[in-house]
Amino acid sequence: TDISAVLKTFERYNYEVKATFTSDKETELFYEDRFEEFMKYLSI
């Protein structure tokens, strides 16, 4: 289910969304990779 329209509505009315969760494996892997790269950057 794509909730991007709902998130945009919250943004338009100045609500702050703290977190969103997904069960999409591809998106999950993307963010895991990004997190790992960020941790490597911080350890330099």
PDB file of N, CA and C in Angstrom:
ATOM      1  N   THR A   1       0.844  -1.180   0.000  1.00  0.00           N
ATOM      2  CA  THR A   1       0.000   0.000   0.000  1.00  0.00           C
ATOM      3  C   THR A   1       0.884   1.235   0.000  1.00  0.00           C
ATOM      4  N   ASP A   2       0.596   2.146  -0.905  1.00  0.00           N
ATOM      5  CA  ASP A   2       1.369   3.374  -1.013  1.00  0.00           C
ATOM      6  C   ASP A   2       0.716   4.454  -0.160  1.00  0.00           C
ATOM      7  N   ILE A   3       1.409   4.897   0.869  1.00  0.00           N
ATOM      8  CA  ILE A   3       0.854   5.914   1.763  1.00  0.00           C
ATOM      9  C   ILE A   3       1.475   7.286   1.520  1.00  0.00           C
ATOM     10  N   SER A   4       2.168   7.447   0.413  1.00  0.00           N
ATOM     11  CA  SER A   4       2.846   8.718   0.156  1.00  0.00           C
ATOM     12  C   SER A   4       1.865   9.883   0.092  1.00  0.00           C
ATOM     13  N   ALA A   5       0.665   9.667  -0.432  1.00  0.00           N
ATOM     14  CA  ALA A   5      -0.331  10.745  -0.487  1.00  0.00           C
ATOM     15  C   ALA A   5      -0.732  11.181   0.921  1.00  0.00           C
ATOM     16  N   VAL A   6      -0.886  10.225   1.811  1.00  0.00           N
ATOM     17  CA  VAL A   6      -1.238  10.539   3.201  1.00  0.00           C
ATOM     18  C   VAL A   6      -0.104  11.311   3.863  1.00  0.00           C
ATOM     19  N   LEU A   7       1.127  10.882   3.632  1.00  0.00           N
ATOM     20  CA  LEU A   7       2.272  11.577   4.212  1.00  0.00           C
ATOM     21  C   LEU A   7       2.377  13.001   3.687  1.00  0.00           C
ATOM     22  N   LYS A   8       2.112  13.197   2.401  1.00  0.00           N
ATOM     23  CA  LYS A   8       2.132  14.546   1.817  1.00  0.00           C
ATOM     24  C   LYS A   8       1.054  15.427   2.445  1.00  0.00           C
ATOM     25  N   THR A   9      -0.102  14.849   2.746  1.00  0.00           N
ATOM     26  CA  THR A   9      -1.167  15.614   3.387  1.00  0.00           C
ATOM     27  C   THR A   9      -0.741  16.053   4.778  1.00  0.00           C
ATOM     28  N   PHE A  10      -0.136  15.155   5.540  1.00  0.00           N
ATOM     29  CA  PHE A  10       0.373  15.527   6.859  1.00  0.00           C
ATOM     30  C   PHE A  10       1.392  16.650   6.740  1.00  0.00           C
ATOM     31  N   GLU A  11       2.275  16.546   5.770  1.00  0.00           N
ATOM     32  CA  GLU A  11       3.300  17.561   5.563  1.00  0.00           C
ATOM     33  C   GLU A  11       2.664  18.909   5.220  1.00  0.00           C
ATOM     34  N   ARG A  12       1.645  18.884   4.388  1.00  0.00           N
ATOM     35  CA  ARG A  12       0.968  20.113   3.966  1.00  0.00           C
ATOM     36  C   ARG A  12       0.345  20.836   5.162  1.00  0.00           C
ATOM     37  N   TYR A  13      -0.152  20.088   6.140  1.00  0.00           N
ATOM     38  CA  TYR A  13      -0.759  20.675   7.322  1.00  0.00           C
ATOM     39  C   TYR A  13       0.224  20.791   8.488  1.00  0.00           C
ATOM     40  N   ASN A  14       1.511  20.736   8.180  1.00  0.00           N
ATOM     41  CA  ASN A  14       2.596  20.934   9.154  1.00  0.00           C
ATOM     42  C   ASN A  14       2.636  19.904  10.274  1.00  0.00           C
ATOM     43  N   TYR A  15       2.212  18.684   9.979  1.00  0.00           N
ATOM     44  CA  TYR A  15       2.398  17.587  10.920  1.00  0.00           C
ATOM     45  C   TYR A  15       3.778  16.991  10.680  1.00  0.00           C
ATOM     46  N   GLU A  16       4.428  16.591  11.751  1.00  0.00           N
ATOM     47  CA  GLU A  16       5.738  15.963  11.634  1.00  0.00           C
ATOM     48  C   GLU A  16       5.596  14.451  11.795  1.00  0.00           C
ATOM     49  N   VAL A  17       5.924  13.717  10.753  1.00  0.00           N
ATOM     50  CA  VAL A  17       5.880  12.259  10.807  1.00  0.00           C
ATOM     51  C   VAL A  17       7.244  11.787  11.294  1.00  0.00           C
ATOM     52  N   LYS A  18       7.268  11.157  12.441  1.00  0.00           N
ATOM     53  CA  LYS A  18       8.526  10.719  13.047  1.00  0.00           C
ATOM     54  C   LYS A  18       9.093   9.480  12.380  1.00  0.00           C
ATOM     55  N   ALA A  19       8.231   8.577  11.920  1.00  0.00           N
ATOM     56  CA  ALA A  19       8.722   7.334  11.322  1.00  0.00           C
ATOM     57  C   ALA A  19       7.629   6.704  10.471  1.00  0.00           C
ATOM     58  N   THR A  20       8.085   5.955   9.492  1.00  0.00           N
ATOM     59  CA  THR A  20       7.182   5.112   8.713  1.00  0.00           C
ATOM     60  C   THR A  20       7.819   3.732   8.628  1.00  0.00           C
ATOM     61  N   PHE A  21       7.000   2.727   8.474  1.00  0.00           N
ATOM     62  CA  PHE A  21       7.491   1.362   8.433  1.00  0.00           C
ATOM     63  C   PHE A  21       6.988   0.691   7.171  1.00  0.00           C
ATOM     64  N   THR A  22       7.782  -0.208   6.639  1.00  0.00           N
ATOM     65  CA  THR A  22       7.415  -0.877   5.404  1.00  0.00           C
ATOM     66  C   THR A  22       7.763  -2.356   5.485  1.00  0.00           C
ATOM     67  N   SER A  23       7.051  -3.135   4.718  1.00  0.00           N
ATOM     68  CA  SER A  23       7.388  -4.555   4.625  1.00  0.00           C
ATOM     69  C   SER A  23       7.976  -4.869   3.257  1.00  0.00           C
ATOM     70  N   ASP A  24       8.280  -3.820   2.501  1.00  0.00           N
ATOM     71  CA  ASP A  24       8.871  -3.972   1.176  1.00  0.00           C
ATOM     72  C   ASP A  24      10.347  -4.330   1.336  1.00  0.00           C
ATOM     73  N   LYS A  25      10.729  -5.523   0.936  1.00  0.00           N
ATOM     74  CA  LYS A  25      12.099  -6.017   1.139  1.00  0.00           C
ATOM     75  C   LYS A  25      13.127  -5.163   0.394  1.00  0.00           C
ATOM     76  N   GLU A  26      12.796  -4.719  -0.816  1.00  0.00           N
ATOM     77  CA  GLU A  26      13.734  -3.913  -1.600  1.00  0.00           C
ATOM     78  C   GLU A  26      14.037  -2.586  -0.903  1.00  0.00           C
ATOM     79  N   THR A  27      13.020  -1.938  -0.383  1.00  0.00           N
ATOM     80  CA  THR A  27      13.216  -0.679   0.334  1.00  0.00           C
ATOM     81  C   THR A  27      14.003  -0.915   1.612  1.00  0.00           C
ATOM     82  N   GLU A  28      13.695  -1.984   2.301  1.00  0.00           N
ATOM     83  CA  GLU A  28      14.406  -2.323   3.532  1.00  0.00           C
ATOM     84  C   GLU A  28      15.899  -2.526   3.264  1.00  0.00           C
ATOM     85  N   LEU A  29      16.230  -3.247   2.218  1.00  0.00           N
ATOM     86  CA  LEU A  29      17.635  -3.466   1.862  1.00  0.00           C
ATOM     87  C   LEU A  29      18.324  -2.160   1.489  1.00  0.00           C
ATOM     88  N   PHE A  30      17.618  -1.292   0.792  1.00  0.00           N
ATOM     89  CA  PHE A  30      18.162   0.010   0.420  1.00  0.00           C
ATOM     90  C   PHE A  30      18.583   0.791   1.665  1.00  0.00           C
ATOM     91  N   TYR A  31      17.684   0.876   2.650  1.00  0.00           N
ATOM     92  CA  TYR A  31      17.997   1.634   3.857  1.00  0.00           C
ATOM     93  C   TYR A  31      19.051   0.951   4.713  1.00  0.00           C
ATOM     94  N   GLU A  32      19.099  -0.363   4.716  1.00  0.00           N
ATOM     95  CA  GLU A  32      20.163  -1.065   5.434  1.00  0.00           C
ATOM     96  C   GLU A  32      21.522  -0.726   4.835  1.00  0.00           C
ATOM     97  N   ASP A  33      21.595  -0.722   3.516  1.00  0.00           N
ATOM     98  CA  ASP A  33      22.851  -0.361   2.847  1.00  0.00           C
ATOM     99  C   ASP A  33      23.243   1.075   3.154  1.00  0.00           C
ATOM    100  N   ARG A  34      22.286   1.978   3.101  1.00  0.00           N
ATOM    101  CA  ARG A  34      22.572   3.385   3.387  1.00  0.00           C
ATOM    102  C   ARG A  34      23.078   3.552   4.817  1.00  0.00           C
ATOM    103  N   PHE A  35      22.454   2.843   5.762  1.00  0.00           N
ATOM    104  CA  PHE A  35      22.857   2.920   7.154  1.00  0.00           C
ATOM    105  C   PHE A  35      24.284   2.407   7.335  1.00  0.00           C
ATOM    106  N   GLU A  36      24.586   1.278   6.710  1.00  0.00           N
ATOM    107  CA  GLU A  36      25.936   0.712   6.808  1.00  0.00           C
ATOM    108  C   GLU A  36      26.975   1.671   6.237  1.00  0.00           C
ATOM    109  N   GLU A  37      26.688   2.295   5.114  1.00  0.00           N
ATOM    110  CA  GLU A  37      27.615   3.261   4.522  1.00  0.00           C
ATOM    111  C   GLU A  37      27.798   4.467   5.437  1.00  0.00           C
ATOM    112  N   PHE A  38      26.733   4.916   6.057  1.00  0.00           N
ATOM    113  CA  PHE A  38      26.818   6.041   6.990  1.00  0.00           C
ATOM    114  C   PHE A  38      27.678   5.680   8.202  1.00  0.00           C
ATOM    115  N   MET A  39      27.518   4.475   8.715  1.00  0.00           N
ATOM    116  CA  MET A  39      28.332   4.037   9.850  1.00  0.00           C
ATOM    117  C   MET A  39      29.807   3.964   9.458  1.00  0.00           C
ATOM    118  N   LYS A  40      30.100   3.505   8.262  1.00  0.00           N
ATOM    119  CA  LYS A  40      31.485   3.489   7.781  1.00  0.00           C
ATOM    120  C   LYS A  40      32.038   4.902   7.710  1.00  0.00           C
ATOM    121  N   TYR A  41      31.235   5.830   7.223  1.00  0.00           N
ATOM    122  CA  TYR A  41      31.647   7.230   7.124  1.00  0.00           C
ATOM    123  C   TYR A  41      31.967   7.796   8.508  1.00  0.00           C
ATOM    124  N   LEU A  42      31.140   7.496   9.486  1.00  0.00           N
ATOM    125  CA  LEU A  42      31.355   8.013  10.835  1.00  0.00           C
ATOM    126  C   LEU A  42      32.586   7.419  11.501  1.00  0.00           C
ATOM    127  N   SER A  43      32.977   6.235  11.111  1.00  0.00           N
ATOM    128  CA  SER A  43      34.116   5.587  11.764  1.00  0.00           C
ATOM    129  C   SER A  43      35.456   6.049  11.197  1.00  0.00           C
ATOM    130  N   ILE A  44      35.435   6.869  10.164  1.00  0.00           N
ATOM    131  CA  ILE A  44      36.689   7.342   9.555  1.00  0.00           C
ATOM    132  C   ILE A  44      37.346   8.364  10.448  1.00  0.00           C
TER     133      ILE A  44
END
